[in-house]
Amino acid sequence: MNINPLIISALSSLNIPVSANVYTGTAMEYITFNYADERPVLYADDIDGLDETTIQVHYFTKGNPQTNKKAIRRLLRQADFSIQSTQEFYETDTGYTHVVVYAVIDGFVLD
């Protein structure tokens, strides 16, 4: 299940660059995301019919992360994700605060 467009669309209202896996731009604030796990969770007639996908959304900022951290969680929920956890780190080598939001979504397999 490719949920990249769903994540990008869900977070687009933040007006922060969002990209899968790696951000190569020059913005001082940006979001990347990656698939942490993807597995079938529902079977019928020996065929997997429903996948559960866990993602990690990484928000990097040199400012206060609190407002956008809450907004990221809210926007993901509105896009039918369930939030599993949120972590916040300060990266001394870059000066960025790094927020990681773990979220899960279920979707029917269309293959």
N, C-alpha and C. Protein backbone atom coordinates (compact mmCIF):
# COMPACT_ATOMS: atom_id res chain seq x y z
N MET A 1 0.85 -1.17 0.00
CA MET A 1 0.00 0.00 0.00
C MET A 1 0.90 1.23 0.00
N ASN A 2 0.78 2.05 -1.01
CA ASN A 2 1.58 3.28 -1.10
C ASN A 2 0.80 4.42 -0.47
N ILE A 3 1.24 4.85 0.70
CA ILE A 3 0.54 5.94 1.40
C ILE A 3 1.30 7.25 1.33
N ASN A 4 2.36 7.30 0.52
CA ASN A 4 3.13 8.55 0.40
C ASN A 4 2.25 9.75 0.04
N PRO A 5 1.39 9.65 -0.99
CA PRO A 5 0.55 10.81 -1.32
C PRO A 5 -0.37 11.22 -0.18
N LEU A 6 -0.85 10.25 0.59
CA LEU A 6 -1.74 10.55 1.72
C LEU A 6 -1.00 11.35 2.79
N ILE A 7 0.22 10.96 3.09
CA ILE A 7 1.01 11.67 4.11
C ILE A 7 1.33 13.08 3.65
N ILE A 8 1.79 13.20 2.41
CA ILE A 8 2.15 14.52 1.87
C ILE A 8 0.94 15.44 1.85
N SER A 9 -0.19 14.91 1.40
CA SER A 9 -1.42 15.71 1.38
C SER A 9 -1.86 16.11 2.78
N ALA A 10 -1.79 15.17 3.71
CA ALA A 10 -2.23 15.44 5.09
C ALA A 10 -1.42 16.55 5.74
N LEU A 11 -0.14 16.62 5.44
CA LEU A 11 0.74 17.59 6.10
C LEU A 11 0.98 18.86 5.28
N SER A 12 0.39 18.95 4.10
CA SER A 12 0.66 20.09 3.20
C SER A 12 0.20 21.43 3.77
N SER A 13 -0.81 21.44 4.61
CA SER A 13 -1.32 22.71 5.15
C SER A 13 -0.33 23.38 6.10
N LEU A 14 0.70 22.66 6.53
CA LEU A 14 1.71 23.24 7.42
C LEU A 14 2.66 24.19 6.68
N ASN A 15 2.67 24.11 5.35
CA ASN A 15 3.56 24.93 4.53
C ASN A 15 5.03 24.72 4.90
N ILE A 16 5.36 23.45 5.17
CA ILE A 16 6.72 23.01 5.47
C ILE A 16 7.04 21.93 4.43
N PRO A 17 8.24 21.94 3.85
CA PRO A 17 8.56 20.88 2.89
C PRO A 17 8.40 19.49 3.51
N VAL A 18 7.77 18.57 2.76
CA VAL A 18 7.55 17.19 3.20
C VAL A 18 8.07 16.28 2.11
N SER A 19 8.93 15.34 2.47
CA SER A 19 9.43 14.40 1.47
C SER A 19 9.64 13.02 2.08
N ALA A 20 9.53 12.02 1.24
CA ALA A 20 9.75 10.64 1.67
C ALA A 20 11.25 10.40 1.86
N ASN A 21 11.60 9.82 2.98
CA ASN A 21 12.95 9.35 3.30
C ASN A 21 14.00 10.43 3.52
N VAL A 22 14.28 11.27 2.52
CA VAL A 22 15.38 12.24 2.63
C VAL A 22 14.93 13.59 2.10
N TYR A 23 15.30 14.64 2.81
CA TYR A 23 15.06 16.01 2.34
C TYR A 23 16.40 16.59 1.88
N THR A 24 16.44 17.08 0.66
CA THR A 24 17.69 17.60 0.10
C THR A 24 17.66 19.11 -0.13
N GLY A 25 16.61 19.77 0.32
CA GLY A 25 16.48 21.21 0.12
C GLY A 25 17.27 22.00 1.15
N THR A 26 16.97 23.29 1.22
CA THR A 26 17.72 24.19 2.10
C THR A 26 16.87 24.83 3.19
N ALA A 27 15.62 24.42 3.32
CA ALA A 27 14.74 25.01 4.33
C ALA A 27 15.28 24.71 5.72
N MET A 28 15.07 25.63 6.64
CA MET A 28 15.53 25.46 8.02
C MET A 28 14.55 24.62 8.85
N GLU A 29 13.41 24.30 8.26
CA GLU A 29 12.38 23.50 8.93
C GLU A 29 11.79 22.58 7.87
N TYR A 30 11.74 21.27 8.14
CA TYR A 30 11.24 20.33 7.14
C TYR A 30 10.77 19.04 7.80
N ILE A 31 10.06 18.24 6.99
CA ILE A 31 9.51 16.97 7.45
C ILE A 31 9.92 15.88 6.47
N THR A 32 10.38 14.75 7.01
CA THR A 32 10.58 13.56 6.21
C THR A 32 9.76 12.44 6.85
N PHE A 33 9.54 11.37 6.09
CA PHE A 33 8.82 10.23 6.65
C PHE A 33 9.35 8.96 6.00
N ASN A 34 9.18 7.86 6.73
CA ASN A 34 9.58 6.56 6.21
C ASN A 34 8.64 5.48 6.73
N TYR A 35 8.61 4.38 6.00
CA TYR A 35 7.85 3.22 6.43
C TYR A 35 8.66 2.51 7.50
N ALA A 36 8.09 2.29 8.67
CA ALA A 36 8.76 1.55 9.73
C ALA A 36 8.38 0.08 9.69
N ASP A 37 7.15 -0.22 9.25
CA ASP A 37 6.69 -1.60 9.17
C ASP A 37 5.44 -1.63 8.30
N GLU A 38 5.31 -2.71 7.56
CA GLU A 38 4.11 -2.92 6.75
C GLU A 38 3.84 -4.41 6.74
N ARG A 39 2.63 -4.79 7.18
CA ARG A 39 2.34 -6.22 7.29
C ARG A 39 0.86 -6.49 7.07
N PRO A 40 0.54 -7.66 6.54
CA PRO A 40 -0.86 -8.05 6.42
C PRO A 40 -1.43 -8.36 7.80
N VAL A 41 -2.68 -7.97 8.03
CA VAL A 41 -3.32 -8.22 9.32
C VAL A 41 -4.67 -8.92 9.19
N LEU A 42 -5.16 -9.07 7.97
CA LEU A 42 -6.44 -9.73 7.76
C LEU A 42 -6.34 -10.60 6.52
N TYR A 43 -6.74 -11.84 6.66
CA TYR A 43 -6.68 -12.79 5.57
C TYR A 43 -8.08 -13.32 5.27
N ALA A 44 -8.31 -13.63 3.98
CA ALA A 44 -9.54 -14.30 3.56
C ALA A 44 -9.17 -15.22 2.40
N ASP A 45 -9.59 -16.45 2.47
CA ASP A 45 -9.26 -17.44 1.43
C ASP A 45 -7.76 -17.51 1.19
N ASP A 46 -6.99 -17.48 2.28
CA ASP A 46 -5.52 -17.57 2.22
C ASP A 46 -4.86 -16.42 1.45
N ILE A 47 -5.56 -15.31 1.35
CA ILE A 47 -5.01 -14.12 0.68
C ILE A 47 -5.08 -12.96 1.68
N ASP A 48 -3.98 -12.20 1.78
CA ASP A 48 -4.01 -11.05 2.66
C ASP A 48 -4.83 -9.95 2.00
N GLY A 49 -5.76 -9.41 2.78
CA GLY A 49 -6.67 -8.42 2.25
C GLY A 49 -6.58 -7.07 2.92
N LEU A 50 -5.88 -6.99 4.05
CA LEU A 50 -5.76 -5.73 4.77
C LEU A 50 -4.34 -5.61 5.30
N ASP A 51 -3.70 -4.51 4.99
CA ASP A 51 -2.36 -4.22 5.49
C ASP A 51 -2.42 -3.21 6.61
N GLU A 52 -1.49 -3.33 7.55
CA GLU A 52 -1.28 -2.32 8.58
C GLU A 52 0.10 -1.72 8.32
N THR A 53 0.14 -0.42 8.14
CA THR A 53 1.40 0.27 7.83
C THR A 53 1.75 1.22 8.96
N THR A 54 2.95 1.08 9.49
CA THR A 54 3.46 1.98 10.52
C THR A 54 4.48 2.90 9.86
N ILE A 55 4.33 4.19 10.12
CA ILE A 55 5.27 5.17 9.56
C ILE A 55 5.94 5.92 10.70
N GLN A 56 7.07 6.52 10.36
CA GLN A 56 7.74 7.47 11.24
C GLN A 56 7.76 8.80 10.50
N VAL A 57 7.23 9.83 11.13
CA VAL A 57 7.28 11.18 10.57
C VAL A 57 8.32 11.94 11.38
N HIS A 58 9.30 12.50 10.68
CA HIS A 58 10.41 13.20 11.32
C HIS A 58 10.29 14.70 11.03
N TYR A 59 10.13 15.47 12.06
CA TYR A 59 10.02 16.93 11.95
C TYR A 59 11.29 17.54 12.51
N PHE A 60 11.96 18.35 11.69
CA PHE A 60 13.21 19.00 12.07
C PHE A 60 13.01 20.51 12.11
N THR A 61 13.42 21.14 13.20
CA THR A 61 13.31 22.59 13.32
C THR A 61 14.39 23.12 14.25
N LYS A 62 14.76 24.36 14.03
CA LYS A 62 15.68 25.03 14.96
C LYS A 62 14.90 25.92 15.91
N GLY A 63 13.59 25.98 15.71
CA GLY A 63 12.72 26.76 16.59
C GLY A 63 12.02 25.87 17.61
N ASN A 64 10.98 26.41 18.20
CA ASN A 64 10.18 25.66 19.17
C ASN A 64 9.29 24.67 18.41
N PRO A 65 9.41 23.38 18.67
CA PRO A 65 8.65 22.38 17.90
C PRO A 65 7.22 22.15 18.37
N GLN A 66 6.82 22.73 19.49
CA GLN A 66 5.56 22.33 20.13
C GLN A 66 4.32 22.53 19.27
N THR A 67 4.17 23.69 18.63
CA THR A 67 2.96 23.96 17.84
C THR A 67 2.85 23.01 16.66
N ASN A 68 3.93 22.86 15.91
CA ASN A 68 3.86 21.99 14.74
C ASN A 68 3.83 20.51 15.12
N LYS A 69 4.41 20.15 16.25
CA LYS A 69 4.33 18.77 16.71
C LYS A 69 2.87 18.39 16.94
N LYS A 70 2.14 19.26 17.60
CA LYS A 70 0.72 19.01 17.85
C LYS A 70 -0.07 19.00 16.54
N ALA A 71 0.28 19.91 15.64
CA ALA A 71 -0.42 19.98 14.35
C ALA A 71 -0.17 18.73 13.51
N ILE A 72 1.05 18.23 13.52
CA ILE A 72 1.36 17.01 12.77
C ILE A 72 0.50 15.86 13.28
N ARG A 73 0.44 15.71 14.57
CA ARG A 73 -0.37 14.64 15.17
C ARG A 73 -1.85 14.80 14.79
N ARG A 74 -2.36 16.03 14.89
CA ARG A 74 -3.77 16.30 14.56
C ARG A 74 -4.06 15.99 13.09
N LEU A 75 -3.18 16.45 12.20
CA LEU A 75 -3.39 16.25 10.76
C LEU A 75 -3.30 14.77 10.37
N LEU A 76 -2.41 14.04 11.00
CA LEU A 76 -2.33 12.60 10.73
C LEU A 76 -3.60 11.89 11.21
N ARG A 77 -4.11 12.28 12.37
CA ARG A 77 -5.36 11.69 12.86
C ARG A 77 -6.51 11.97 11.89
N GLN A 78 -6.56 13.21 11.38
CA GLN A 78 -7.61 13.57 10.42
C GLN A 78 -7.51 12.76 9.13
N ALA A 79 -6.31 12.26 8.82
CA ALA A 79 -6.11 11.44 7.62
C ALA A 79 -6.25 9.94 7.94
N ASP A 80 -6.86 9.61 9.08
CA ASP A 80 -7.17 8.25 9.51
C ASP A 80 -5.99 7.46 10.05
N PHE A 81 -4.91 8.13 10.43
CA PHE A 81 -3.81 7.46 11.12
C PHE A 81 -4.12 7.42 12.61
N SER A 82 -3.59 6.42 13.28
CA SER A 82 -3.61 6.35 14.75
C SER A 82 -2.20 6.64 15.22
N ILE A 83 -2.06 7.53 16.18
CA ILE A 83 -0.75 7.88 16.70
C ILE A 83 -0.34 6.85 17.74
N GLN A 84 0.86 6.29 17.58
CA GLN A 84 1.38 5.32 18.55
C GLN A 84 2.24 6.00 19.60
N SER A 85 3.13 6.88 19.17
CA SER A 85 3.99 7.57 20.13
C SER A 85 4.66 8.76 19.46
N THR A 86 5.21 9.62 20.30
CA THR A 86 5.96 10.78 19.82
C THR A 86 7.20 10.92 20.70
N GLN A 87 8.32 11.16 20.04
CA GLN A 87 9.57 11.37 20.75
C GLN A 87 10.18 12.69 20.28
N GLU A 88 10.97 13.30 21.16
CA GLU A 88 11.62 14.56 20.81
C GLU A 88 13.08 14.49 21.24
N PHE A 89 13.97 14.87 20.33
CA PHE A 89 15.41 14.83 20.58
C PHE A 89 16.02 16.18 20.19
N TYR A 90 17.12 16.52 20.81
CA TYR A 90 17.91 17.65 20.35
C TYR A 90 19.22 17.11 19.78
N GLU A 91 19.51 17.48 18.55
CA GLU A 91 20.72 17.00 17.88
C GLU A 91 21.80 18.05 18.00
N THR A 92 22.77 17.82 18.85
CA THR A 92 23.81 18.81 19.12
C THR A 92 24.70 19.06 17.91
N ASP A 93 24.87 18.08 17.04
CA ASP A 93 25.74 18.27 15.88
C ASP A 93 25.13 19.19 14.82
N THR A 94 23.78 19.25 14.74
CA THR A 94 23.13 20.10 13.73
C THR A 94 22.40 21.30 14.33
N GLY A 95 22.09 21.24 15.62
CA GLY A 95 21.32 22.30 16.26
C GLY A 95 19.82 22.18 16.03
N TYR A 96 19.39 21.07 15.45
CA TYR A 96 17.97 20.86 15.20
C TYR A 96 17.30 20.12 16.35
N THR A 97 16.05 20.47 16.61
CA THR A 97 15.18 19.62 17.41
C THR A 97 14.54 18.65 16.43
N HIS A 98 14.55 17.39 16.77
CA HIS A 98 14.06 16.32 15.91
C HIS A 98 12.90 15.64 16.62
N VAL A 99 11.72 15.77 16.05
CA VAL A 99 10.52 15.15 16.60
C VAL A 99 10.18 13.94 15.72
N VAL A 100 9.93 12.80 16.34
CA VAL A 100 9.55 11.60 15.62
C VAL A 100 8.15 11.19 16.07
N VAL A 101 7.23 11.12 15.12
CA VAL A 101 5.86 10.69 15.39
C VAL A 101 5.67 9.33 14.72
N TYR A 102 5.32 8.33 15.51
CA TYR A 102 5.00 7.00 14.99
C TYR A 102 3.49 6.94 14.82
N ALA A 103 3.06 6.54 13.62
CA ALA A 103 1.62 6.46 13.34
C ALA A 103 1.32 5.20 12.53
N VAL A 104 0.09 4.72 12.64
CA VAL A 104 -0.34 3.49 11.99
C VAL A 104 -1.61 3.76 11.20
N ILE A 105 -1.72 3.09 10.04
CA ILE A 105 -2.96 3.15 9.26
C ILE A 105 -3.20 1.78 8.65
N ASP A 106 -4.46 1.39 8.57
CA ASP A 106 -4.86 0.15 7.92
C ASP A 106 -5.44 0.49 6.56
N GLY A 107 -5.19 -0.40 5.59
CA GLY A 107 -5.74 -0.18 4.26
C GLY A 107 -5.89 -1.48 3.52
N PHE A 108 -6.90 -1.55 2.67
CA PHE A 108 -7.14 -2.75 1.88
C PHE A 108 -6.06 -2.90 0.83
N VAL A 109 -5.64 -4.12 0.63
CA VAL A 109 -4.64 -4.44 -0.38
C VAL A 109 -5.36 -4.50 -1.72
N LEU A 110 -4.87 -3.76 -2.68
CA LEU A 110 -5.52 -3.70 -4.00
C LEU A 110 -4.77 -4.51 -5.04
N ASP A 111 -3.71 -5.18 -4.67
CA ASP A 111 -2.90 -5.95 -5.64
C ASP A 111 -3.64 -7.16 -6.11
